[in-house]
Amino acid sequence: MDHLETNGVGTLYIVATPIGNSRDMSSRGIQILTDADIIAAEDTRRSMVLLNKLEIRNKLVSNHKFNEHGKAKYFISELKAGKSVAVITDAGTPCISDPGNELIKAAIAEDIPVVGIPGACAAVTALSVSGFDLSTFLFYGFFPREAADRRRVLEKMREGMTRTYVFYESPKRIMDAVEFFIAEQARCQLCVCNDLTKLHEMTFRGTPEEVREQLLAKGNYEKGEFCIVLELAEDYLFRKREHTVTPEALLVDKMIQEGCRPKDAIRHLLADENNTYSKNELYAASLRLKELLG
């Protein structure tokens, strides 16, 4: 096991496990799990399958999202007693839409060393094969279920500083998610990965409409986990234009040009595609002008 100067306390290891192919388990990860005093697992039954393959016999303790807060106290007491704890989840890297954060926060607060053992991560793997611009990207976790929440996320995406986003999605909702982008006429390209690293992994690429047809052609697409990577079209993003003049100046200019009152000037400006001010901003400016002019 990795040796650290711990002043008598144990070390908390955050260990990535395979997302499908057991051969993706690193030799360092295997060694950490073999030597750890306790393995904190999201689902002990699922983790036991992997540990049996690796011929690891160890103390396995559950650490899922429903008991994470209470179990953190137990793990911290064991760590303070000098024992080492390795955190694993059902698949991939802990804390990436999986349990682990509460324990890590508690360990940091107690000055207990926290060491990451890198390995598989579905989101990063899907991003790496997407072919999209990855100079910046945003991980959103699981795609929202409700249409209203999805629209809010899409609006935030269009306002964002990046074009590339990655989501997790269940097989039961993958078609619904793709059809949402079709219904919203989202101008984007998708890279939808299914059963990453497994024997029958598949990747569906193209517009939402094209991906929908590929899923239908596959037939039994309601199996396995999905990861959606999405790249928005450049001209689909909201771009806020900088104001070059004050709204008061615009109003006065328009009133002189049209020989009209502030109310009519506001109407003319709102119809002007070069105007960067909202109706409320222009109305507030007209009130300020009124106060200034008495």
C-alpha atoms as a PDB file:
ATOM      1  CA  MET A   1       0.000   0.000   0.000  1.00  0.00           C
ATOM      2  CA  ASP A   2       1.055   3.626  -0.510  1.00  0.00           C
ATOM      3  CA  HIS A   3       2.880   4.854   2.568  1.00  0.00           C
ATOM      4  CA  LEU A   4       2.197   8.359   3.897  1.00  0.00           C
ATOM      5  CA  GLU A   5       3.313  10.243   6.978  1.00  0.00           C
ATOM      6  CA  THR A   6      -0.028  10.165   8.792  1.00  0.00           C
ATOM      7  CA  ASN A   7       0.820  10.901  12.458  1.00  0.00           C
ATOM      8  CA  GLY A   8      -0.935   7.777  13.606  1.00  0.00           C
ATOM      9  CA  VAL A   9      -4.167   8.206  11.671  1.00  0.00           C
ATOM     10  CA  GLY A  10      -5.220   6.101   8.708  1.00  0.00           C
ATOM     11  CA  THR A  11      -5.540   7.185   5.093  1.00  0.00           C
ATOM     12  CA  LEU A  12      -8.768   7.547   3.141  1.00  0.00           C
ATOM     13  CA  TYR A  13      -8.340   6.212  -0.410  1.00  0.00           C
ATOM     14  CA  ILE A  14     -10.797   7.156  -3.169  1.00  0.00           C
ATOM     15  CA  VAL A  15     -10.493   4.248  -5.592  1.00  0.00           C
ATOM     16  CA  ALA A  16     -11.883   4.208  -9.142  1.00  0.00           C
ATOM     17  CA  THR A  17     -13.250   0.858 -10.312  1.00  0.00           C
ATOM     18  CA  PRO A  18     -14.109  -0.386 -13.831  1.00  0.00           C
ATOM     19  CA  ILE A  19     -17.261   0.895 -15.521  1.00  0.00           C
ATOM     20  CA  GLY A  20     -17.722  -2.384 -17.382  1.00  0.00           C
ATOM     21  CA  ASN A  21     -14.520  -4.178 -18.279  1.00  0.00           C
ATOM     22  CA  SER A  22     -12.821  -5.600 -15.170  1.00  0.00           C
ATOM     23  CA  ARG A  23      -9.443  -5.459 -16.914  1.00  0.00           C
ATOM     24  CA  ASP A  24      -9.565  -1.666 -16.574  1.00  0.00           C
ATOM     25  CA  MET A  25      -8.868  -1.989 -12.843  1.00  0.00           C
ATOM     26  CA  SER A  26      -5.401  -0.565 -12.209  1.00  0.00           C
ATOM     27  CA  SER A  27      -2.723  -2.622 -10.459  1.00  0.00           C
ATOM     28  CA  ARG A  28      -2.357   0.182  -7.904  1.00  0.00           C
ATOM     29  CA  GLY A  29      -6.089   0.118  -7.236  1.00  0.00           C
ATOM     30  CA  ILE A  30      -5.995  -3.625  -6.716  1.00  0.00           C
ATOM     31  CA  GLN A  31      -3.143  -3.262  -4.242  1.00  0.00           C
ATOM     32  CA  ILE A  32      -4.959  -0.539  -2.284  1.00  0.00           C
ATOM     33  CA  LEU A  33      -8.135  -2.636  -2.055  1.00  0.00           C
ATOM     34  CA  THR A  34      -6.151  -5.708  -1.042  1.00  0.00           C
ATOM     35  CA  ASP A  35      -4.329  -3.926   1.772  1.00  0.00           C
ATOM     36  CA  ALA A  36      -7.099  -1.634   3.031  1.00  0.00           C
ATOM     37  CA  ASP A  37      -8.544  -2.402   6.464  1.00  0.00           C
ATOM     38  CA  ILE A  38     -12.036  -1.390   5.334  1.00  0.00           C
ATOM     39  CA  ILE A  39     -13.657  -1.038   1.921  1.00  0.00           C
ATOM     40  CA  ALA A  40     -16.594   1.401   1.891  1.00  0.00           C
ATOM     41  CA  ALA A  41     -18.860   0.338  -0.982  1.00  0.00           C
ATOM     42  CA  GLU A  42     -21.964   1.902  -2.532  1.00  0.00           C
ATOM     43  CA  ASP A  43     -23.581  -1.529  -2.976  1.00  0.00           C
ATOM     44  CA  THR A  44     -21.785  -4.361  -1.195  1.00  0.00           C
ATOM     45  CA  ARG A  45     -23.467  -7.014  -3.373  1.00  0.00           C
ATOM     46  CA  ARG A  46     -22.278  -5.454  -6.627  1.00  0.00           C
ATOM     47  CA  SER A  47     -18.832  -4.680  -5.258  1.00  0.00           C
ATOM     48  CA  MET A  48     -18.441  -8.257  -4.069  1.00  0.00           C
ATOM     49  CA  VAL A  49     -18.664  -9.425  -7.698  1.00  0.00           C
ATOM     50  CA  LEU A  50     -15.630  -7.307  -8.627  1.00  0.00           C
ATOM     51  CA  LEU A  51     -13.699  -8.159  -5.466  1.00  0.00           C
ATOM     52  CA  ASN A  52     -14.260 -11.884  -6.056  1.00  0.00           C
ATOM     53  CA  LYS A  53     -12.853 -11.539  -9.583  1.00  0.00           C
ATOM     54  CA  LEU A  54      -9.820  -9.790  -8.132  1.00  0.00           C
ATOM     55  CA  GLU A  55      -9.565 -12.412  -5.374  1.00  0.00           C
ATOM     56  CA  ILE A  56      -9.785  -9.744  -2.696  1.00  0.00           C
ATOM     57  CA  ARG A  57     -11.136 -10.734   0.693  1.00  0.00           C
ATOM     58  CA  ASN A  58     -11.667  -7.754   2.909  1.00  0.00           C
ATOM     59  CA  LYS A  59     -14.000  -6.039   5.333  1.00  0.00           C
ATOM     60  CA  LEU A  60     -16.773  -4.598   3.166  1.00  0.00           C
ATOM     61  CA  VAL A  61     -19.062  -1.922   4.657  1.00  0.00           C
ATOM     62  CA  SER A  62     -21.958  -0.191   2.874  1.00  0.00           C
ATOM     63  CA  ASN A  63     -21.676   3.529   2.145  1.00  0.00           C
ATOM     64  CA  HIS A  64     -24.623   4.466  -0.068  1.00  0.00           C
ATOM     65  CA  LYS A  65     -26.399   7.803  -0.453  1.00  0.00           C
ATOM     66  CA  PHE A  66     -29.061   6.917   2.133  1.00  0.00           C
ATOM     67  CA  ASN A  67     -26.655   6.176   4.977  1.00  0.00           C
ATOM     68  CA  GLU A  68     -23.633   8.221   3.920  1.00  0.00           C
ATOM     69  CA  HIS A  69     -23.979  10.949   6.544  1.00  0.00           C
ATOM     70  CA  GLY A  70     -24.337   8.548   9.485  1.00  0.00           C
ATOM     71  CA  LYS A  71     -21.675   6.128   8.255  1.00  0.00           C
ATOM     72  CA  ALA A  72     -19.141   8.936   7.839  1.00  0.00           C
ATOM     73  CA  LYS A  73     -18.810   9.120  11.645  1.00  0.00           C
ATOM     74  CA  TYR A  74     -18.010   5.404  11.799  1.00  0.00           C
ATOM     75  CA  PHE A  75     -15.379   5.598   9.074  1.00  0.00           C
ATOM     76  CA  ILE A  76     -13.781   8.691  10.632  1.00  0.00           C
ATOM     77  CA  SER A  77     -13.483   6.926  14.001  1.00  0.00           C
ATOM     78  CA  GLU A  78     -11.800   3.972  12.304  1.00  0.00           C
ATOM     79  CA  LEU A  79      -9.442   6.263  10.389  1.00  0.00           C
ATOM     80  CA  LYS A  80      -8.523   8.139  13.572  1.00  0.00           C
ATOM     81  CA  ALA A  81      -7.739   4.764  15.129  1.00  0.00           C
ATOM     82  CA  GLY A  82      -5.143   4.220  12.415  1.00  0.00           C
ATOM     83  CA  LYS A  83      -7.100   2.048   9.998  1.00  0.00           C
ATOM     84  CA  SER A  84      -7.107   2.653   6.250  1.00  0.00           C
ATOM     85  CA  VAL A  85     -10.391   3.010   4.367  1.00  0.00           C
ATOM     86  CA  ALA A  86     -10.861   2.600   0.596  1.00  0.00           C
ATOM     87  CA  VAL A  87     -14.013   4.121  -0.931  1.00  0.00           C
ATOM     88  CA  ILE A  88     -15.472   2.517  -4.060  1.00  0.00           C
ATOM     89  CA  THR A  89     -18.778   2.844  -5.900  1.00  0.00           C
ATOM     90  CA  ASP A  90     -20.712   0.480  -8.153  1.00  0.00           C
ATOM     91  CA  ALA A  91     -18.638   1.590 -11.136  1.00  0.00           C
ATOM     92  CA  GLY A  92     -16.244   4.376 -12.033  1.00  0.00           C
ATOM     93  CA  THR A  93     -14.812   7.166  -9.906  1.00  0.00           C
ATOM     94  CA  PRO A  94     -16.437   7.864  -6.515  1.00  0.00           C
ATOM     95  CA  CYS A  95     -18.175  11.238  -6.014  1.00  0.00           C
ATOM     96  CA  ILE A  96     -18.925  11.672  -9.741  1.00  0.00           C
ATOM     97  CA  SER A  97     -22.712  11.405  -9.317  1.00  0.00           C
ATOM     98  CA  ASP A  98     -21.949   8.771  -6.669  1.00  0.00           C
ATOM     99  CA  PRO A  99     -21.551   8.742  -2.852  1.00  0.00           C
ATOM    100  CA  GLY A 100     -18.301   9.730  -1.170  1.00  0.00           C
ATOM    101  CA  ASN A 101     -18.370  13.505  -0.691  1.00  0.00           C
ATOM    102  CA  GLU A 102     -19.642  13.486   2.895  1.00  0.00           C
ATOM    103  CA  LEU A 103     -16.872  11.167   4.032  1.00  0.00           C
ATOM    104  CA  ILE A 104     -14.193  13.134   2.201  1.00  0.00           C
ATOM    105  CA  LYS A 105     -15.378  16.428   3.707  1.00  0.00           C
ATOM    106  CA  ALA A 106     -15.361  14.881   7.182  1.00  0.00           C
ATOM    107  CA  ALA A 107     -11.869  13.452   6.669  1.00  0.00           C
ATOM    108  CA  ILE A 108     -10.498  16.810   5.496  1.00  0.00           C
ATOM    109  CA  ALA A 109     -12.022  18.510   8.541  1.00  0.00           C
ATOM    110  CA  GLU A 110     -10.177  16.001  10.760  1.00  0.00           C
ATOM    111  CA  ASP A 111      -6.842  16.431   8.917  1.00  0.00           C
ATOM    112  CA  ILE A 112      -7.003  12.840   7.686  1.00  0.00           C
ATOM    113  CA  PRO A 113      -5.051  12.253   4.445  1.00  0.00           C
ATOM    114  CA  VAL A 114      -7.252  11.727   1.369  1.00  0.00           C
ATOM    115  CA  VAL A 115      -5.610  10.042  -1.627  1.00  0.00           C
ATOM    116  CA  GLY A 116      -7.215   9.544  -5.040  1.00  0.00           C
ATOM    117  CA  ILE A 117      -6.498   6.356  -6.999  1.00  0.00           C
ATOM    118  CA  PRO A 118      -7.445   7.285 -10.580  1.00  0.00           C
ATOM    119  CA  GLY A 119      -9.145   5.043 -13.081  1.00  0.00           C
ATOM    120  CA  ALA A 120     -12.291   4.702 -15.140  1.00  0.00           C
ATOM    121  CA  CYS A 121     -14.932   7.433 -15.340  1.00  0.00           C
ATOM    122  CA  ALA A 122     -17.857   7.111 -17.758  1.00  0.00           C
ATOM    123  CA  ALA A 123     -18.189  10.875 -18.329  1.00  0.00           C
ATOM    124  CA  VAL A 124     -14.507  11.360 -19.161  1.00  0.00           C
ATOM    125  CA  THR A 125     -14.437   8.246 -21.347  1.00  0.00           C
ATOM    126  CA  ALA A 126     -17.451   9.446 -23.348  1.00  0.00           C
ATOM    127  CA  LEU A 127     -15.942  12.910 -23.719  1.00  0.00           C
ATOM    128  CA  SER A 128     -12.680  11.430 -24.967  1.00  0.00           C
ATOM    129  CA  VAL A 129     -14.364   9.599 -27.862  1.00  0.00           C
ATOM    130  CA  SER A 130     -16.866  12.346 -28.750  1.00  0.00           C
ATOM    131  CA  GLY A 131     -14.699  14.251 -31.194  1.00  0.00           C
ATOM    132  CA  PHE A 132     -16.154  17.502 -29.819  1.00  0.00           C
ATOM    133  CA  ASP A 133     -14.304  20.606 -28.642  1.00  0.00           C
ATOM    134  CA  LEU A 134     -13.017  19.693 -25.180  1.00  0.00           C
ATOM    135  CA  SER A 135     -11.015  22.837 -24.459  1.00  0.00           C
ATOM    136  CA  THR A 136     -13.809  23.457 -21.945  1.00  0.00           C
ATOM    137  CA  PHE A 137     -16.783  21.292 -20.981  1.00  0.00           C
ATOM    138  CA  LEU A 138     -19.368  20.981 -18.221  1.00  0.00           C
ATOM    139  CA  PHE A 139     -20.539  17.808 -16.461  1.00  0.00           C
ATOM    140  CA  TYR A 140     -24.217  18.004 -15.465  1.00  0.00           C
ATOM    141  CA  GLY A 141     -24.702  14.615 -13.791  1.00  0.00           C
ATOM    142  CA  PHE A 142     -28.007  12.934 -14.591  1.00  0.00           C
ATOM    143  CA  PHE A 143     -30.248  14.699 -17.103  1.00  0.00           C
ATOM    144  CA  PRO A 144     -33.398  16.081 -15.394  1.00  0.00           C
ATOM    145  CA  ARG A 145     -36.583  14.037 -15.678  1.00  0.00           C
ATOM    146  CA  GLU A 146     -39.162  16.825 -15.920  1.00  0.00           C
ATOM    147  CA  ALA A 147     -39.594  18.832 -19.137  1.00  0.00           C
ATOM    148  CA  ALA A 148     -39.582  22.174 -17.308  1.00  0.00           C
ATOM    149  CA  ASP A 149     -36.301  21.333 -15.580  1.00  0.00           C
ATOM    150  CA  ARG A 150     -34.835  20.182 -18.888  1.00  0.00           C
ATOM    151  CA  ARG A 151     -35.782  23.471 -20.551  1.00  0.00           C
ATOM    152  CA  ARG A 152     -34.115  25.412 -17.747  1.00  0.00           C
ATOM    153  CA  VAL A 153     -30.936  23.355 -18.175  1.00  0.00           C
ATOM    154  CA  LEU A 154     -30.988  23.860 -21.946  1.00  0.00           C
ATOM    155  CA  GLU A 155     -31.385  27.618 -21.459  1.00  0.00           C
ATOM    156  CA  LYS A 156     -28.427  27.657 -19.060  1.00  0.00           C
ATOM    157  CA  MET A 157     -26.401  25.673 -21.577  1.00  0.00           C
ATOM    158  CA  ARG A 158     -27.143  28.218 -24.281  1.00  0.00           C
ATOM    159  CA  GLU A 159     -26.005  30.994 -21.931  1.00  0.00           C
ATOM    160  CA  GLY A 160     -22.861  29.142 -20.882  1.00  0.00           C
ATOM    161  CA  MET A 161     -19.220  29.766 -21.622  1.00  0.00           C
ATOM    162  CA  THR A 162     -18.781  26.360 -23.251  1.00  0.00           C
ATOM    163  CA  ARG A 163     -20.456  24.452 -26.065  1.00  0.00           C
ATOM    164  CA  THR A 164     -19.811  20.931 -24.743  1.00  0.00           C
ATOM    165  CA  TYR A 165     -21.825  19.210 -22.017  1.00  0.00           C
ATOM    166  CA  VAL A 166     -22.001  15.666 -20.674  1.00  0.00           C
ATOM    167  CA  PHE A 167     -24.898  13.935 -18.885  1.00  0.00           C
ATOM    168  CA  TYR A 168     -25.714  10.505 -17.533  1.00  0.00           C
ATOM    169  CA  GLU A 169     -29.057   8.950 -18.467  1.00  0.00           C
ATOM    170  CA  SER A 170     -30.880   5.711 -17.703  1.00  0.00           C
ATOM    171  CA  PRO A 171     -31.863   3.320 -20.516  1.00  0.00           C
ATOM    172  CA  LYS A 172     -35.545   3.824 -19.675  1.00  0.00           C
ATOM    173  CA  ARG A 173     -35.321   7.560 -20.386  1.00  0.00           C
ATOM    174  CA  ILE A 174     -32.710   7.777 -23.133  1.00  0.00           C
ATOM    175  CA  MET A 175     -35.225   8.041 -25.983  1.00  0.00           C
ATOM    176  CA  ASP A 176     -37.264  10.595 -24.040  1.00  0.00           C
ATOM    177  CA  ALA A 177     -34.124  12.707 -23.570  1.00  0.00           C
ATOM    178  CA  VAL A 178     -33.220  12.579 -27.266  1.00  0.00           C
ATOM    179  CA  GLU A 179     -36.784  13.431 -28.268  1.00  0.00           C
ATOM    180  CA  PHE A 180     -36.685  16.414 -25.897  1.00  0.00           C
ATOM    181  CA  PHE A 181     -33.834  17.932 -27.914  1.00  0.00           C
ATOM    182  CA  ILE A 182     -35.796  17.258 -31.107  1.00  0.00           C
ATOM    183  CA  ALA A 183     -38.954  18.900 -29.730  1.00  0.00           C
ATOM    184  CA  GLU A 184     -36.959  21.940 -28.570  1.00  0.00           C
ATOM    185  CA  GLN A 185     -35.293  22.149 -31.998  1.00  0.00           C
ATOM    186  CA  ALA A 186     -31.943  22.228 -30.232  1.00  0.00           C
ATOM    187  CA  ARG A 187     -29.171  22.891 -32.734  1.00  0.00           C
ATOM    188  CA  CYS A 188     -26.545  20.456 -31.551  1.00  0.00           C
ATOM    189  CA  GLN A 189     -24.573  17.302 -32.222  1.00  0.00           C
ATOM    190  CA  LEU A 190     -24.833  14.295 -29.915  1.00  0.00           C
ATOM    191  CA  CYS A 191     -22.457  11.502 -29.009  1.00  0.00           C
ATOM    192  CA  VAL A 192     -24.487   8.958 -27.055  1.00  0.00           C
ATOM    193  CA  CYS A 193     -22.445   6.139 -25.511  1.00  0.00           C
ATOM    194  CA  ASN A 194     -24.046   2.917 -24.293  1.00  0.00           C
ATOM    195  CA  ASP A 195     -22.398   0.212 -22.146  1.00  0.00           C
ATOM    196  CA  LEU A 196     -18.952   1.810 -22.283  1.00  0.00           C
ATOM    197  CA  THR A 197     -16.028  -0.661 -22.145  1.00  0.00           C
ATOM    198  CA  LYS A 198     -18.376  -3.654 -22.230  1.00  0.00           C
ATOM    199  CA  LEU A 199     -18.455  -6.313 -24.943  1.00  0.00           C
ATOM    200  CA  HIS A 200     -21.415  -4.807 -26.804  1.00  0.00           C
ATOM    201  CA  GLU A 201     -20.728  -1.107 -26.249  1.00  0.00           C
ATOM    202  CA  MET A 202     -22.179   1.210 -28.885  1.00  0.00           C
ATOM    203  CA  THR A 203     -21.866   4.883 -29.778  1.00  0.00           C
ATOM    204  CA  PHE A 204     -24.596   6.835 -31.575  1.00  0.00           C
ATOM    205  CA  ARG A 205     -23.564  10.083 -33.276  1.00  0.00           C
ATOM    206  CA  GLY A 206     -25.228  12.945 -35.132  1.00  0.00           C
ATOM    207  CA  THR A 207     -28.112  15.361 -34.711  1.00  0.00           C
ATOM    208  CA  PRO A 208     -30.842  14.433 -32.210  1.00  0.00           C
ATOM    209  CA  GLU A 209     -32.977  13.240 -35.145  1.00  0.00           C
ATOM    210  CA  GLU A 210     -30.156  11.046 -36.475  1.00  0.00           C
ATOM    211  CA  VAL A 211     -29.429   9.582 -33.049  1.00  0.00           C
ATOM    212  CA  ARG A 212     -33.124   8.791 -32.582  1.00  0.00           C
ATOM    213  CA  GLU A 213     -33.128   6.788 -35.816  1.00  0.00           C
ATOM    214  CA  GLN A 214     -29.971   4.935 -34.769  1.00  0.00           C
ATOM    215  CA  LEU A 215     -31.508   3.996 -31.416  1.00  0.00           C
ATOM    216  CA  LEU A 216     -34.675   2.762 -33.134  1.00  0.00           C
ATOM    217  CA  ALA A 217     -32.572   0.732 -35.569  1.00  0.00           C
ATOM    218  CA  LYS A 218     -30.764  -0.909 -32.639  1.00  0.00           C
ATOM    219  CA  GLY A 219     -34.108  -2.043 -31.298  1.00  0.00           C
ATOM    220  CA  ASN A 220     -33.333  -3.115 -27.727  1.00  0.00           C
ATOM    221  CA  TYR A 221     -31.826   0.202 -26.681  1.00  0.00           C
ATOM    222  CA  GLU A 222     -33.482   0.141 -23.228  1.00  0.00           C
ATOM    223  CA  LYS A 223     -30.541  -1.726 -21.712  1.00  0.00           C
ATOM    224  CA  GLY A 224     -27.267  -0.639 -20.163  1.00  0.00           C
ATOM    225  CA  GLU A 225     -26.222   2.783 -18.952  1.00  0.00           C
ATOM    226  CA  PHE A 226     -26.002   5.800 -21.253  1.00  0.00           C
ATOM    227  CA  CYS A 227     -23.745   8.824 -21.317  1.00  0.00           C
ATOM    228  CA  ILE A 228     -24.784  11.793 -23.477  1.00  0.00           C
ATOM    229  CA  VAL A 229     -22.168  14.213 -24.786  1.00  0.00           C
ATOM    230  CA  LEU A 230     -23.683  17.262 -26.468  1.00  0.00           C
ATOM    231  CA  GLU A 231     -22.038  20.027 -28.475  1.00  0.00           C
ATOM    232  CA  LEU A 232     -24.146  23.121 -29.165  1.00  0.00           C
ATOM    233  CA  ALA A 233     -23.872  24.892 -32.506  1.00  0.00           C
ATOM    234  CA  GLU A 234     -21.915  28.121 -32.196  1.00  0.00           C
ATOM    235  CA  ASP A 235     -24.784  30.269 -33.493  1.00  0.00           C
ATOM    236  CA  TYR A 236     -27.259  28.525 -31.138  1.00  0.00           C
ATOM    237  CA  LEU A 237     -25.636  30.092 -28.081  1.00  0.00           C
ATOM    238  CA  PHE A 238     -27.045  33.207 -26.480  1.00  0.00           C
ATOM    239  CA  ARG A 239     -24.558  36.020 -26.914  1.00  0.00           C
ATOM    240  CA  LYS A 240     -25.074  39.063 -24.738  1.00  0.00           C
ATOM    241  CA  ARG A 241     -24.291  42.236 -26.621  1.00  0.00           C
ATOM    242  CA  GLU A 242     -22.453  44.999 -24.826  1.00  0.00           C
ATOM    243  CA  HIS A 243     -24.276  48.284 -24.439  1.00  0.00           C
ATOM    244  CA  THR A 244     -22.461  51.066 -26.298  1.00  0.00           C
ATOM    245  CA  VAL A 245     -24.641  54.002 -25.206  1.00  0.00           C
ATOM    246  CA  THR A 246     -26.956  54.673 -22.290  1.00  0.00           C
ATOM    247  CA  PRO A 247     -30.677  53.928 -22.628  1.00  0.00           C
ATOM    248  CA  GLU A 248     -31.430  57.571 -21.847  1.00  0.00           C
ATOM    249  CA  ALA A 249     -29.303  58.692 -24.820  1.00  0.00           C
ATOM    250  CA  LEU A 250     -31.029  56.181 -27.081  1.00  0.00           C
ATOM    251  CA  LEU A 251     -34.444  57.410 -26.002  1.00  0.00           C
ATOM    252  CA  VAL A 252     -33.591  61.088 -26.566  1.00  0.00           C
ATOM    253  CA  ASP A 253     -32.117  60.320 -30.019  1.00  0.00           C
ATOM    254  CA  LYS A 254     -35.178  58.312 -31.021  1.00  0.00           C
ATOM    255  CA  MET A 255     -37.572  60.991 -29.733  1.00  0.00           C
ATOM    256  CA  ILE A 256     -35.765  63.642 -31.818  1.00  0.00           C
ATOM    257  CA  GLN A 257     -35.584  61.416 -34.916  1.00  0.00           C
ATOM    258  CA  GLU A 258     -39.235  60.405 -34.794  1.00  0.00           C
ATOM    259  CA  GLY A 259     -40.638  63.539 -33.146  1.00  0.00           C
ATOM    260  CA  CYS A 260     -42.427  61.348 -30.643  1.00  0.00           C
ATOM    261  CA  ARG A 261     -43.040  60.866 -26.938  1.00  0.00           C
ATOM    262  CA  PRO A 262     -40.934  58.507 -24.726  1.00  0.00           C
ATOM    263  CA  LYS A 263     -43.638  55.823 -24.893  1.00  0.00           C
ATOM    264  CA  ASP A 264     -43.472  55.724 -28.686  1.00  0.00           C
ATOM    265  CA  ALA A 265     -39.671  55.946 -28.644  1.00  0.00           C
ATOM    266  CA  ILE A 266     -39.580  52.795 -26.506  1.00  0.00           C
ATOM    267  CA  ARG A 267     -41.822  51.013 -29.013  1.00  0.00           C
ATOM    268  CA  HIS A 268     -39.547  52.034 -31.916  1.00  0.00           C
ATOM    269  CA  LEU A 269     -36.407  50.897 -30.043  1.00  0.00           C
ATOM    270  CA  LEU A 270     -37.889  47.509 -29.139  1.00  0.00           C
ATOM    271  CA  ALA A 271     -38.573  46.945 -32.833  1.00  0.00           C
ATOM    272  CA  ASP A 272     -34.962  47.805 -33.713  1.00  0.00           C
ATOM    273  CA  GLU A 273     -32.815  44.633 -34.034  1.00  0.00           C
ATOM    274  CA  ASN A 274     -29.719  46.636 -33.053  1.00  0.00           C
ATOM    275  CA  ASN A 275     -31.214  47.633 -29.701  1.00  0.00           C
ATOM    276  CA  THR A 276     -29.612  45.825 -26.758  1.00  0.00           C
ATOM    277  CA  TYR A 277     -31.933  47.047 -23.991  1.00  0.00           C
ATOM    278  CA  SER A 278     -35.037  45.341 -22.630  1.00  0.00           C
ATOM    279  CA  LYS A 279     -38.470  46.955 -22.319  1.00  0.00           C
ATOM    280  CA  ASN A 280     -38.021  47.302 -18.539  1.00  0.00           C
ATOM    281  CA  GLU A 281     -34.619  48.974 -18.946  1.00  0.00           C
ATOM    282  CA  LEU A 282     -35.989  51.476 -21.473  1.00  0.00           C
ATOM    283  CA  TYR A 283     -39.045  52.200 -19.329  1.00  0.00           C
ATOM    284  CA  ALA A 284     -36.815  52.850 -16.291  1.00  0.00           C
ATOM    285  CA  ALA A 285     -34.696  55.194 -18.432  1.00  0.00           C
ATOM    286  CA  SER A 286     -37.808  57.137 -19.490  1.00  0.00           C
ATOM    287  CA  LEU A 287     -38.728  57.632 -15.824  1.00  0.00           C
ATOM    288  CA  ARG A 288     -35.237  58.915 -15.052  1.00  0.00           C
ATOM    289  CA  LEU A 289     -35.486  61.364 -17.972  1.00  0.00           C
ATOM    290  CA  LYS A 290     -38.845  62.576 -16.671  1.00  0.00           C
ATOM    291  CA  GLU A 291     -37.361  63.234 -13.214  1.00  0.00           C
ATOM    292  CA  LEU A 292     -34.388  65.103 -14.691  1.00  0.00           C
ATOM    293  CA  LEU A 293     -36.562  67.290 -16.891  1.00  0.00           C
ATOM    294  CA  GLY A 294     -39.050  67.966 -14.105  1.00  0.00           C
END
